[in-house]
Structure formats: structure tokens, C-alpha cells
């Protein structure tokens, strides 16, 4: 049984008094072996109150194991160590070796553990950005495609920007940087990221070689681009955390129960809502609201250039009156509102990317908080001459359906009488379109009669009757009043009777069947 601390101190005091283990054992009431064990531990500098460690068969090889662990910088495998120990005459089991190697590695890592200095930055100095995998959304042609999330943040104010894109090519990176600094309302002194090929094209003696176009872009905006140590994302943990939080809140998973996105516009709207939420929430580390901190940090940011950097955004094209641009002798459609403006066009793989400066188009001032910068407004699959790429969604008011069929006309009142009839409800709109297509005569008189009837029986009743009349094709005089009377009397719906040849009340030609038979002289 383990001795208490009081008993151990009495044993050691008895030994110090007598100088003999047997005498001390008689005074303390214990075995002489117990006295010798505690005295030996005390004289060796070992804790006498902790668990005692018995000698092990591998103890004589521990200096060699520690040397191998130090030489491999804590990476040597235990099975390799065991093979070498067996060659040196060790006859223990591999389990014993693994325990000893694990202890040696833990001791080595304790002496070589990386320490971190808190990063205390000043306002307006640092911006960090990184890329994250986004959700799959329908792209050009309705095919599901993977997206990427460009995530940037200001280190002092913790203000975050998340922009969804289709790729992370250099032109896309430049467009995202432009959009980020314009949402910041200024340009920081430094931008920190990792080492993608769009930023560092090579490493010579551990020194990253910058991409010449990214250097020119940084010079255009007045900031310096820095990269972290390769394979060491810990040196830019802020942007890593931004990517992790954005993916957790924007990418549909079993954990967040988000539905799939039906379009790229839905993903853009979700990113806008995410940024509005996190920037209006008090940050746990800084204890400040990023929106309020950004207003203070803007005074330390550099002035934005009046024009975005367009070196790698492609060639300029003018949007014609038909909302199309020409690229490679092929017409490509653009969204509404860009007629007469200039856009940038570039080929990205099999896609044609159209980028526009929506802030300049809408005359958004530089100091506005809702600036967006350069934005991708359209993306088409590259085509060949004679095969234009026209997206029906770019023409919402076109008189044709996307499949080519004409859209039903929309009634628009041009007189007080027409307005009174159309105000009856959607049934009146449906009746007018159907009656006009059927060539109904005296439509205006019937519209006036419907308005007068609604004054007696109610607008809802007449509007429902007009819808029934349109579905049944009943546009004759008295049809509307008959339908109203029928529904009022029965107060229940019945099957529609379509006014066609199968249900006509006109007399048939059965009486003529006897004419032309043999012997009558008719038709012979």
C-alpha cells in the first residue's frame, strides 16, 4: 500500500536520527526495504512521493534512441529503431521499443515546440486573402460546376469580404482584389497570401519570385504583396479562419442543412448576406464590431485609384443595342442595363467571361460602403461563327418564351372603361386575352356588362366566372351571367362544357341521311 506523505516524512526523519535502516524501520513501523527505497530515491534527487519507476531492459539503449530522434528531428519510425536495436543486441519486444521512442519524441518536441508571438497590427497595414472550395451551382448550359470562394479580411478591423467565382486564374484574382479594396473603401499597405502560381511563379534559394503581372497590379493599387512560408499556412491564420467560417456557412453540408443553390446569383446573394452578418457581429478577439472598426480604419487606408487595373482582364468590347457583344465573330448576350457601355472580355478555358465596372455604371462614389468593384456579369461557353450564344435570362421582357413560343400578351388599360374591367382581377385579364384570340365580337360591350354585373353580385364572383368562361371558351352574349347564376344557385363547381362540335345545340344532318339512296333518282 502506498504510504502517505506524512508516513514518508516520518520514515526519512527516523533514518536521519538513527542512521540505520533497521533501527529506522523499528521506529517507523515499516520494513527495512521500504526505508532503503525512500532514502535511495531522496539521495538520487527523485520525487519520493510520486510513483516509482522500475529499471527497464531498454534503459541502457535510451541514449542511442535519443540520438536517433534528435538526428531525425523527431520523425524516425519506431520499427526502424527496433531493427537497429536488435542489431546491437537488444532482445526486448517491439512494444517496449515503441514506448521508449514515443517518450523520446515527446521530450524532443517539448524542447523544439514552435512558439507564437501575438500579431498586433496597426490600422491600414495588412490585408490577407485566400481561396476556398465553394458549392456546386448550375453554370452555362445548366451543367453543375464547382465554384471557389475568394476570402479577404483586414487584419485590424476584422472586416471580411467573400466573393464567389468560377476559377482562380490571374484575371479573376485581379478582379477580386479590385472588388475587395473597393468594398474596404481604401487600399492597405500590405497584402499577405500563400504561394499560388498566380502570385509566386518560382522559389530560388527559398525566396519567392513574384508574378510580374501581380507586381504591376500591386503597384497600380499602391500596396505590396507578401507571401507566407511555403507549406506553412499558420503564418496567415486570419484568412485561413475566414475561409473555414465562410465554407461552414455557405457550402451546403449535412451540418448546416443548407439547400443546393439554383443559380450563381443565389450564391452571390448568400455571400452578401454572410458578409453583412459577420461584419455586423462583435468580434470575439477584438471586442469590436467590424463595420464600426472599418469606419475608423478607412482613415489609414490609401486612396483608391479612379480606374481599376485592367492589364489581365481581357479586351474591351462595346455592348450593342441588342445587349450583345462580339468576340471572335460570335455574338454573346449580356444582362440588361449595359447597352452602350464598355465591358472586358476574356477567354478562360472553354468559357467566355464578361466583366463590367458596375460602380462606374451606377455612378457609385468612391466613399460609398456598398461599392462592388469589377464584377463578372456573364459567362458563356465559347462558340464558333454562325452560332451565337444568347441567354434567355438576359431578356426578361422579350415577347418570346425561351423555347421560342410567343408569350401571352399582357393587358394594359388605355382608358377608364378598360381599367375598370381589368381591376376585377386576374380572371378578367385571362378572359380578355382568350376572347381576343377567339375573335369574339362586341368585346367592349361585354366588358362593360361584366363591370355592371360585378356591382350587383360582387367582384370576386364575376372574376371567378370570367376565368371559368375563358377556360370553357364561352364568350357569347349571356354566357357570363349564366355562369354567375349557375354558380350562385348550386354553390358548387361542376365540369366545364366546352363549346365545340361535340356539345353543339345546333340541329345535325341526320335528317339528310335518307337522301341519295337507290331508287330515288337523287345522287345517281
Foldseek 3Di string as FASTA:
>chain_A
DQDDPVLLVQLVVLCVVPVDLVRSCVVSVHDSVLSVVLVVCVVVVHDSRDDDDDDDLCVVVLVVLLVVCVVVVLPDDQVVVVVVVVVVPRDDDSVVSVVSNVVSSVVSCVVVPDDDDDDDDDFQAEKEKDKAKAAWEQDAPRDTATKMWIWMAGPPLRQIAIDIGRDPALLVVLQVVQQVQLLLLFAGAEYEYADDCSAFVDADPQRTHGDVVVVVQCVLRNHYYYYDRPPCCVVPVSNVVRNVVCRVQQHDDPVVNDDDDHHVVVSRVSSVVVSVVQQQDQDPPVRHRSVVVSVVSSVNGHHGDPDGDCPPQADKFAQAPVQWTDDQQATEHFAPQRHGHIWHWDDDPQKIWTKDLVCVSVVPDSNDNPGRGIDTGDMHGDDHHPDHHYDVVRPPPDQADPVGHGDQDFDDDDDPLSVLLPVLDVLSRLLVSLCVVVVHPPPSVVSNVLSVVCVPPHSVLLSVLSNLCSVQVPDDPPSSVVSSVVCVVVVDDDDRHHPDPVPDPDDDCPVVVPPPDPPPPGVD
